[in-house]
Amino acid sequence: AGSSVVLYVVPNSKNDIVRSYRARGGIKVSFLDQ
């Protein structure tokens, strides 16, 4: 609790990028890249 982590969503293809997200439970999310 209170920490920060980095999530790397490994692409499944050459077009697999993160376009949107939905966060629950009071977490804050920011993009480092797509």
PDB file of all heavy atoms in Angstrom:
ATOM      1  N   ALA A   1       0.844  -1.192   0.000  1.00  0.00           N
ATOM      2  CA  ALA A   1       0.000   0.000   0.000  1.00  0.00           C
ATOM      3  C   ALA A   1       0.883   1.247   0.000  1.00  0.00           C
ATOM      4  O   ALA A   1       1.897   1.303   0.694  1.00  0.00           O
ATOM      5  CB  ALA A   1      -0.913  -0.003   1.224  1.00  0.00           C
ATOM      6  N   GLY A   2       0.526   2.237  -0.835  1.00  0.00           N
ATOM      7  CA  GLY A   2       1.296   3.474  -0.914  1.00  0.00           C
ATOM      8  C   GLY A   2       2.495   3.412  -1.843  1.00  0.00           C
ATOM      9  O   GLY A   2       3.195   4.418  -2.014  1.00  0.00           O
ATOM     10  N   SER A   3       2.743   2.252  -2.424  1.00  0.00           N
ATOM     11  CA  SER A   3       3.907   2.104  -3.316  1.00  0.00           C
ATOM     12  C   SER A   3       3.530   2.390  -4.765  1.00  0.00           C
ATOM     13  O   SER A   3       2.359   2.564  -5.108  1.00  0.00           O
ATOM     14  CB  SER A   3       4.477   0.694  -3.204  1.00  0.00           C
ATOM     15  OG  SER A   3       3.573  -0.252  -3.773  1.00  0.00           O
ATOM     16  N   SER A   4       4.547   2.425  -5.616  1.00  0.00           N
ATOM     17  CA  SER A   4       4.352   2.560  -7.052  1.00  0.00           C
ATOM     18  C   SER A   4       5.067   1.416  -7.756  1.00  0.00           C
ATOM     19  O   SER A   4       6.138   0.968  -7.304  1.00  0.00           O
ATOM     20  CB  SER A   4       4.909   3.895  -7.565  1.00  0.00           C
ATOM     21  OG  SER A   4       4.189   4.986  -7.044  1.00  0.00           O
ATOM     22  N   VAL A   5       4.491   0.925  -8.832  1.00  0.00           N
ATOM     23  CA  VAL A   5       5.112  -0.129  -9.633  1.00  0.00           C
ATOM     24  C   VAL A   5       4.991   0.258 -11.103  1.00  0.00           C
ATOM     25  O   VAL A   5       4.224   1.143 -11.473  1.00  0.00           O
ATOM     26  CB  VAL A   5       4.447  -1.510  -9.400  1.00  0.00           C
ATOM     27  CG1 VAL A   5       4.533  -1.911  -7.943  1.00  0.00           C
ATOM     28  CG2 VAL A   5       2.999  -1.504  -9.888  1.00  0.00           C
ATOM     29  N   VAL A   6       5.768  -0.441 -11.930  1.00  0.00           N
ATOM     30  CA  VAL A   6       5.698  -0.250 -13.384  1.00  0.00           C
ATOM     31  C   VAL A   6       5.177  -1.531 -14.009  1.00  0.00           C
ATOM     32  O   VAL A   6       5.696  -2.620 -13.732  1.00  0.00           O
ATOM     33  CB  VAL A   6       7.080   0.112 -13.969  1.00  0.00           C
ATOM     34  CG1 VAL A   6       7.039   0.089 -15.495  1.00  0.00           C
ATOM     35  CG2 VAL A   6       7.508   1.488 -13.485  1.00  0.00           C
ATOM     36  N   LEU A   7       4.137  -1.411 -14.813  1.00  0.00           N
ATOM     37  CA  LEU A   7       3.571  -2.546 -15.523  1.00  0.00           C
ATOM     38  C   LEU A   7       3.934  -2.449 -17.002  1.00  0.00           C
ATOM     39  O   LEU A   7       3.565  -1.480 -17.669  1.00  0.00           O
ATOM     40  CB  LEU A   7       2.043  -2.567 -15.379  1.00  0.00           C
ATOM     41  CG  LEU A   7       1.466  -2.580 -13.969  1.00  0.00           C
ATOM     42  CD1 LEU A   7      -0.054  -2.626 -14.038  1.00  0.00           C
ATOM     43  CD2 LEU A   7       2.007  -3.754 -13.166  1.00  0.00           C
ATOM     44  N   TYR A   8       4.652  -3.458 -17.487  1.00  0.00           N
ATOM     45  CA  TYR A   8       4.990  -3.529 -18.899  1.00  0.00           C
ATOM     46  C   TYR A   8       4.058  -4.538 -19.551  1.00  0.00           C
ATOM     47  O   TYR A   8       4.173  -5.742 -19.324  1.00  0.00           O
ATOM     48  CB  TYR A   8       6.455  -3.924 -19.075  1.00  0.00           C
ATOM     49  CG  TYR A   8       6.836  -4.337 -20.477  1.00  0.00           C
ATOM     50  CD1 TYR A   8       6.292  -3.712 -21.598  1.00  0.00           C
ATOM     51  CD2 TYR A   8       7.762  -5.368 -20.680  1.00  0.00           C
ATOM     52  CE1 TYR A   8       6.648  -4.105 -22.884  1.00  0.00           C
ATOM     53  CE2 TYR A   8       8.124  -5.761 -21.964  1.00  0.00           C
ATOM     54  CZ  TYR A   8       7.558  -5.125 -23.062  1.00  0.00           C
ATOM     55  OH  TYR A   8       7.900  -5.520 -24.337  1.00  0.00           O
ATOM     56  N   VAL A   9       3.117  -4.040 -20.338  1.00  0.00           N
ATOM     57  CA  VAL A   9       2.152  -4.896 -21.024  1.00  0.00           C
ATOM     58  C   VAL A   9       2.807  -5.366 -22.322  1.00  0.00           C
ATOM     59  O   VAL A   9       2.876  -4.625 -23.304  1.00  0.00           O
ATOM     60  CB  VAL A   9       0.844  -4.133 -21.318  1.00  0.00           C
ATOM     61  CG1 VAL A   9      -0.171  -5.061 -21.974  1.00  0.00           C
ATOM     62  CG2 VAL A   9       0.288  -3.542 -20.024  1.00  0.00           C
ATOM     63  N   VAL A  10       3.304  -6.594 -22.314  1.00  0.00           N
ATOM     64  CA  VAL A  10       4.081  -7.111 -23.437  1.00  0.00           C
ATOM     65  C   VAL A  10       3.187  -7.224 -24.681  1.00  0.00           C
ATOM     66  O   VAL A  10       2.139  -7.885 -24.634  1.00  0.00           O
ATOM     67  CB  VAL A  10       4.690  -8.483 -23.097  1.00  0.00           C
ATOM     68  CG1 VAL A  10       5.504  -9.017 -24.268  1.00  0.00           C
ATOM     69  CG2 VAL A  10       5.569  -8.373 -21.837  1.00  0.00           C
ATOM     70  N   PRO A  11       3.562  -6.569 -25.787  1.00  0.00           N
ATOM     71  CA  PRO A  11       2.723  -6.614 -26.987  1.00  0.00           C
ATOM     72  C   PRO A  11       2.618  -8.032 -27.556  1.00  0.00           C
ATOM     73  O   PRO A  11       3.611  -8.762 -27.621  1.00  0.00           O
ATOM     74  CB  PRO A  11       3.462  -5.693 -27.971  1.00  0.00           C
ATOM     75  CG  PRO A  11       4.394  -4.883 -27.143  1.00  0.00           C
ATOM     76  CD  PRO A  11       4.771  -5.738 -25.976  1.00  0.00           C
ATOM     77  N   ASN A  12       1.410  -8.398 -27.976  1.00  0.00           N
ATOM     78  CA  ASN A  12       1.198  -9.692 -28.626  1.00  0.00           C
ATOM     79  C   ASN A  12       1.408  -9.616 -30.131  1.00  0.00           C
ATOM     80  O   ASN A  12       1.497 -10.646 -30.800  1.00  0.00           O
ATOM     81  CB  ASN A  12      -0.218 -10.199 -28.339  1.00  0.00           C
ATOM     82  CG  ASN A  12      -0.398 -10.607 -26.890  1.00  0.00           C
ATOM     83  OD1 ASN A  12       0.511 -11.169 -26.277  1.00  0.00           O
ATOM     84  ND2 ASN A  12      -1.561 -10.323 -26.326  1.00  0.00           N
ATOM     85  N   SER A  13       1.459  -8.395 -30.645  1.00  0.00           N
ATOM     86  CA  SER A  13       1.628  -8.215 -32.083  1.00  0.00           C
ATOM     87  C   SER A  13       2.229  -6.842 -32.344  1.00  0.00           C
ATOM     88  O   SER A  13       2.421  -6.041 -31.413  1.00  0.00           O
ATOM     89  CB  SER A  13       0.283  -8.328 -32.812  1.00  0.00           C
ATOM     90  OG  SER A  13      -0.530  -7.199 -32.524  1.00  0.00           O
ATOM     91  N   LYS A  14       2.501  -6.554 -33.600  1.00  0.00           N
ATOM     92  CA  LYS A  14       3.102  -5.280 -33.987  1.00  0.00           C
ATOM     93  C   LYS A  14       2.148  -4.101 -33.827  1.00  0.00           C
ATOM     94  O   LYS A  14       2.570  -2.942 -33.909  1.00  0.00           O
ATOM     95  CB  LYS A  14       3.587  -5.350 -35.439  1.00  0.00           C
ATOM     96  CG  LYS A  14       2.484  -5.611 -36.452  1.00  0.00           C
ATOM     97  CD  LYS A  14       3.053  -5.774 -37.845  1.00  0.00           C
ATOM     98  CE  LYS A  14       1.940  -6.025 -38.868  1.00  0.00           C
ATOM     99  NZ  LYS A  14       2.503  -6.212 -40.239  1.00  0.00           N
ATOM    100  N   ASN A  15       0.871  -4.389 -33.585  1.00  0.00           N
ATOM    101  CA  ASN A  15      -0.116  -3.323 -33.413  1.00  0.00           C
ATOM    102  C   ASN A  15      -0.738  -3.307 -32.019  1.00  0.00           C
ATOM    103  O   ASN A  15      -1.703  -2.580 -31.780  1.00  0.00           O
ATOM    104  CB  ASN A  15      -1.232  -3.474 -34.452  1.00  0.00           C
ATOM    105  CG  ASN A  15      -0.728  -3.251 -35.859  1.00  0.00           C
ATOM    106  OD1 ASN A  15       0.013  -2.302 -36.109  1.00  0.00           O
ATOM    107  ND2 ASN A  15      -1.102  -4.115 -36.788  1.00  0.00           N
ATOM    108  N   ASP A  16      -0.176  -4.096 -31.106  1.00  0.00           N
ATOM    109  CA  ASP A  16      -0.752  -4.240 -29.771  1.00  0.00           C
ATOM    110  C   ASP A  16      -0.229  -3.147 -28.840  1.00  0.00           C
ATOM    111  O   ASP A  16       0.828  -3.278 -28.227  1.00  0.00           O
ATOM    112  CB  ASP A  16      -0.423  -5.622 -29.207  1.00  0.00           C
ATOM    113  CG  ASP A  16      -1.111  -5.883 -27.869  1.00  0.00           C
ATOM    114  OD1 ASP A  16      -2.015  -5.105 -27.511  1.00  0.00           O
ATOM    115  OD2 ASP A  16      -0.729  -6.860 -27.191  1.00  0.00           O
ATOM    116  N   ILE A  17      -0.983  -2.064 -28.744  1.00  0.00           N
ATOM    117  CA  ILE A  17      -0.631  -0.970 -27.838  1.00  0.00           C
ATOM    118  C   ILE A  17      -1.801  -0.711 -26.896  1.00  0.00           C
ATOM    119  O   ILE A  17      -2.938  -1.089 -27.169  1.00  0.00           O
ATOM    120  CB  ILE A  17      -0.275   0.321 -28.600  1.00  0.00           C
ATOM    121  CG1 ILE A  17      -1.452   0.802 -29.450  1.00  0.00           C
ATOM    122  CG2 ILE A  17       0.972   0.121 -29.447  1.00  0.00           C
ATOM    123  CD1 ILE A  17      -1.218   2.132 -30.133  1.00  0.00           C
ATOM    124  N   VAL A  18      -1.520  -0.083 -25.761  1.00  0.00           N
ATOM    125  CA  VAL A  18      -2.553   0.236 -24.781  1.00  0.00           C
ATOM    126  C   VAL A  18      -3.261   1.513 -25.225  1.00  0.00           C
ATOM    127  O   VAL A  18      -2.642   2.570 -25.344  1.00  0.00           O
ATOM    128  CB  VAL A  18      -1.955   0.424 -23.378  1.00  0.00           C
ATOM    129  CG1 VAL A  18      -3.039   0.866 -22.391  1.00  0.00           C
ATOM    130  CG2 VAL A  18      -1.286  -0.861 -22.909  1.00  0.00           C
ATOM    131  N   ARG A  19      -4.538   1.407 -25.465  1.00  0.00           N
ATOM    132  CA  ARG A  19      -5.315   2.556 -25.906  1.00  0.00           C
ATOM    133  C   ARG A  19      -6.095   3.193 -24.753  1.00  0.00           C
ATOM    134  O   ARG A  19      -6.366   4.394 -24.765  1.00  0.00           O
ATOM    135  CB  ARG A  19      -6.274   2.148 -27.023  1.00  0.00           C
ATOM    136  CG  ARG A  19      -5.568   1.541 -28.230  1.00  0.00           C
ATOM    137  CD  ARG A  19      -6.559   1.107 -29.289  1.00  0.00           C
ATOM    138  NE  ARG A  19      -5.890   0.394 -30.362  1.00  0.00           N
ATOM    139  CZ  ARG A  19      -5.275   0.979 -31.383  1.00  0.00           C
ATOM    140  NH1 ARG A  19      -5.244   2.295 -31.457  1.00  0.00           N
ATOM    141  NH2 ARG A  19      -4.685   0.257 -32.318  1.00  0.00           N
ATOM    142  N   SER A  20      -6.477   2.375 -23.780  1.00  0.00           N
ATOM    143  CA  SER A  20      -7.244   2.888 -22.650  1.00  0.00           C
ATOM    144  C   SER A  20      -7.133   1.918 -21.484  1.00  0.00           C
ATOM    145  O   SER A  20      -6.671   0.785 -21.645  1.00  0.00           O
ATOM    146  CB  SER A  20      -8.713   3.085 -23.036  1.00  0.00           C
ATOM    147  OG  SER A  20      -9.300   1.846 -23.392  1.00  0.00           O
ATOM    148  N   TYR A  21      -7.570   2.355 -20.322  1.00  0.00           N
ATOM    149  CA  TYR A  21      -7.566   1.492 -19.146  1.00  0.00           C
ATOM    150  C   TYR A  21      -8.710   1.913 -18.221  1.00  0.00           C
ATOM    151  O   TYR A  21      -9.266   3.017 -18.331  1.00  0.00           O
ATOM    152  CB  TYR A  21      -6.233   1.570 -18.403  1.00  0.00           C
ATOM    153  CG  TYR A  21      -5.901   2.947 -17.876  1.00  0.00           C
ATOM    154  CD1 TYR A  21      -6.411   3.384 -16.646  1.00  0.00           C
ATOM    155  CD2 TYR A  21      -5.076   3.813 -18.595  1.00  0.00           C
ATOM    156  CE1 TYR A  21      -6.117   4.652 -16.169  1.00  0.00           C
ATOM    157  CE2 TYR A  21      -4.791   5.085 -18.130  1.00  0.00           C
ATOM    158  CZ  TYR A  21      -5.308   5.494 -16.917  1.00  0.00           C
ATOM    159  OH  TYR A  21      -5.039   6.747 -16.445  1.00  0.00           O
ATOM    160  N   ARG A  22      -9.052   1.014 -17.291  1.00  0.00           N
ATOM    161  CA  ARG A  22     -10.056   1.314 -16.271  1.00  0.00           C
ATOM    162  C   ARG A  22      -9.486   0.919 -14.920  1.00  0.00           C
ATOM    163  O   ARG A  22      -9.151  -0.248 -14.690  1.00  0.00           O
ATOM    164  CB  ARG A  22     -11.356   0.558 -16.535  1.00  0.00           C
ATOM    165  CG  ARG A  22     -12.456   0.891 -15.538  1.00  0.00           C
ATOM    166  CD  ARG A  22     -13.721   0.123 -15.855  1.00  0.00           C
ATOM    167  NE  ARG A  22     -14.779   0.428 -14.894  1.00  0.00           N
ATOM    168  CZ  ARG A  22     -15.976  -0.147 -14.894  1.00  0.00           C
ATOM    169  NH1 ARG A  22     -16.273  -1.058 -15.809  1.00  0.00           N
ATOM    170  NH2 ARG A  22     -16.868   0.174 -13.987  1.00  0.00           N
ATOM    171  N   ALA A  23      -9.349   1.885 -14.036  1.00  0.00           N
ATOM    172  CA  ALA A  23      -8.751   1.649 -12.723  1.00  0.00           C
ATOM    173  C   ALA A  23      -9.817   1.674 -11.632  1.00  0.00           C
ATOM    174  O   ALA A  23     -10.740   2.490 -11.668  1.00  0.00           O
ATOM    175  CB  ALA A  23      -7.679   2.698 -12.444  1.00  0.00           C
ATOM    176  N   ARG A  24      -9.682   0.778 -10.643  1.00  0.00           N
ATOM    177  CA  ARG A  24     -10.594   0.719  -9.501  1.00  0.00           C
ATOM    178  C   ARG A  24      -9.782   0.689  -8.206  1.00  0.00           C
ATOM    179  O   ARG A  24      -8.640   0.227  -8.193  1.00  0.00           O
ATOM    180  CB  ARG A  24     -11.471  -0.535  -9.562  1.00  0.00           C
ATOM    181  CG  ARG A  24     -12.367  -0.642 -10.787  1.00  0.00           C
ATOM    182  CD  ARG A  24     -13.227  -1.906 -10.684  1.00  0.00           C
ATOM    183  NE  ARG A  24     -14.071  -2.121 -11.850  1.00  0.00           N
ATOM    184  CZ  ARG A  24     -13.696  -2.792 -12.919  1.00  0.00           C
ATOM    185  NH1 ARG A  24     -12.468  -3.299 -12.989  1.00  0.00           N
ATOM    186  NH2 ARG A  24     -14.531  -2.951 -13.932  1.00  0.00           N
ATOM    187  N   GLY A  25     -10.399   1.152  -7.131  1.00  0.00           N
ATOM    188  CA  GLY A  25      -9.768   1.061  -5.826  1.00  0.00           C
ATOM    189  C   GLY A  25      -8.849   2.201  -5.481  1.00  0.00           C
ATOM    190  O   GLY A  25      -7.987   2.065  -4.602  1.00  0.00           O
ATOM    191  N   GLY A  26      -8.999   3.330  -6.151  1.00  0.00           N
ATOM    192  CA  GLY A  26      -8.207   4.507  -5.802  1.00  0.00           C
ATOM    193  C   GLY A  26      -6.781   4.521  -6.320  1.00  0.00           C
ATOM    194  O   GLY A  26      -5.953   5.315  -5.849  1.00  0.00           O
ATOM    195  N   ILE A  27      -6.465   3.655  -7.275  1.00  0.00           N
ATOM    196  CA  ILE A  27      -5.106   3.663  -7.821  1.00  0.00           C
ATOM    197  C   ILE A  27      -4.974   4.761  -8.879  1.00  0.00           C
ATOM    198  O   ILE A  27      -5.938   5.134  -9.545  1.00  0.00           O
ATOM    199  CB  ILE A  27      -4.720   2.295  -8.423  1.00  0.00           C
ATOM    200  CG1 ILE A  27      -5.634   1.922  -9.596  1.00  0.00           C
ATOM    201  CG2 ILE A  27      -4.758   1.224  -7.353  1.00  0.00           C
ATOM    202  CD1 ILE A  27      -5.252   0.617 -10.265  1.00  0.00           C
ATOM    203  N   LYS A  28      -3.756   5.298  -9.014  1.00  0.00           N
ATOM    204  CA  LYS A  28      -3.464   6.331 -10.009  1.00  0.00           C
ATOM    205  C   LYS A  28      -2.563   5.733 -11.086  1.00  0.00           C
ATOM    206  O   LYS A  28      -1.592   5.044 -10.765  1.00  0.00           O
ATOM    207  CB  LYS A  28      -2.800   7.538  -9.346  1.00  0.00           C
ATOM    208  CG  LYS A  28      -3.702   8.261  -8.362  1.00  0.00           C
ATOM    209  CD  LYS A  28      -3.005   9.469  -7.751  1.00  0.00           C
ATOM    210  CE  LYS A  28      -3.928  10.193  -6.776  1.00  0.00           C
ATOM    211  NZ  LYS A  28      -3.246  11.364  -6.165  1.00  0.00           N
ATOM    212  N   VAL A  29      -2.892   6.022 -12.340  1.00  0.00           N
ATOM    213  CA  VAL A  29      -2.169   5.425 -13.466  1.00  0.00           C
ATOM    214  C   VAL A  29      -1.658   6.520 -14.392  1.00  0.00           C
ATOM    215  O   VAL A  29      -2.374   7.478 -14.697  1.00  0.00           O
ATOM    216  CB  VAL A  29      -3.085   4.465 -14.259  1.00  0.00           C
ATOM    217  CG1 VAL A  29      -2.318   3.819 -15.408  1.00  0.00           C
ATOM    218  CG2 VAL A  29      -3.671   3.403 -13.335  1.00  0.00           C
ATOM    219  N   SER A  30      -0.420   6.381 -14.848  1.00  0.00           N
ATOM    220  CA  SER A  30       0.126   7.296 -15.852  1.00  0.00           C
ATOM    221  C   SER A  30       0.932   6.497 -16.870  1.00  0.00           C
ATOM    222  O   SER A  30       1.494   5.448 -16.547  1.00  0.00           O
ATOM    223  CB  SER A  30       1.004   8.369 -15.209  1.00  0.00           C
ATOM    224  OG  SER A  30       2.088   7.779 -14.509  1.00  0.00           O
ATOM    225  N   PHE A  31       0.974   6.984 -18.099  1.00  0.00           N
ATOM    226  CA  PHE A  31       1.691   6.308 -19.171  1.00  0.00           C
ATOM    227  C   PHE A  31       3.179   6.658 -19.149  1.00  0.00           C
ATOM    228  O   PHE A  31       3.543   7.832 -19.054  1.00  0.00           O
ATOM    229  CB  PHE A  31       1.131   6.720 -20.538  1.00  0.00           C
ATOM    230  CG  PHE A  31      -0.135   6.024 -20.934  1.00  0.00           C
ATOM    231  CD1 PHE A  31      -1.368   6.576 -20.626  1.00  0.00           C
ATOM    232  CD2 PHE A  31      -0.097   4.826 -21.623  1.00  0.00           C
ATOM    233  CE1 PHE A  31      -2.540   5.950 -21.002  1.00  0.00           C
ATOM    234  CE2 PHE A  31      -1.257   4.179 -22.001  1.00  0.00           C
ATOM    235  CZ  PHE A  31      -2.488   4.741 -21.691  1.00  0.00           C
ATOM    236  N   LEU A  32       4.037   5.649 -19.252  1.00  0.00           N
ATOM    237  CA  LEU A  32       5.455   5.859 -19.529  1.00  0.00           C
ATOM    238  C   LEU A  32       5.698   5.707 -21.024  1.00  0.00           C
ATOM    239  O   LEU A  32       6.565   6.357 -21.596  1.00  0.00           O
ATOM    240  CB  LEU A  32       6.315   4.889 -18.738  1.00  0.00           C
ATOM    241  CG  LEU A  32       6.236   5.020 -17.222  1.00  0.00           C
ATOM    242  CD1 LEU A  32       7.168   4.021 -16.546  1.00  0.00           C
ATOM    243  CD2 LEU A  32       6.570   6.439 -16.779  1.00  0.00           C
ATOM    244  N   ASP A  33       5.001   4.782 -21.645  1.00  0.00           N
ATOM    245  CA  ASP A  33       4.893   4.715 -23.097  1.00  0.00           C
ATOM    246  C   ASP A  33       3.596   3.973 -23.403  1.00  0.00           C
ATOM    247  O   ASP A  33       2.798   3.711 -22.492  1.00  0.00           O
ATOM    248  CB  ASP A  33       6.134   4.098 -23.774  1.00  0.00           C
ATOM    249  CG  ASP A  33       6.321   2.616 -23.496  1.00  0.00           C
ATOM    250  OD1 ASP A  33       5.329   1.902 -23.254  1.00  0.00           O
ATOM    251  OD2 ASP A  33       7.476   2.151 -23.526  1.00  0.00           O
ATOM    252  N   GLN A  34       3.363   3.613 -24.633  1.00  0.00           N
ATOM    253  CA  GLN A  34       2.065   3.056 -25.007  1.00  0.00           C
ATOM    254  C   GLN A  34       1.903   1.576 -24.675  1.00  0.00           C
ATOM    255  O   GLN A  34       0.891   0.964 -25.026  1.00  0.00           O
ATOM    256  CB  GLN A  34       1.810   3.318 -26.492  1.00  0.00           C
ATOM    257  CG  GLN A  34       1.544   4.802 -26.758  1.00  0.00           C
ATOM    258  CD  GLN A  34       1.506   5.143 -28.232  1.00  0.00           C
ATOM    259  OE1 GLN A  34       2.542   5.318 -28.861  1.00  0.00           O
ATOM    260  NE2 GLN A  34       0.312   5.247 -28.778  1.00  0.00           N
TER     261      GLN A  34
END
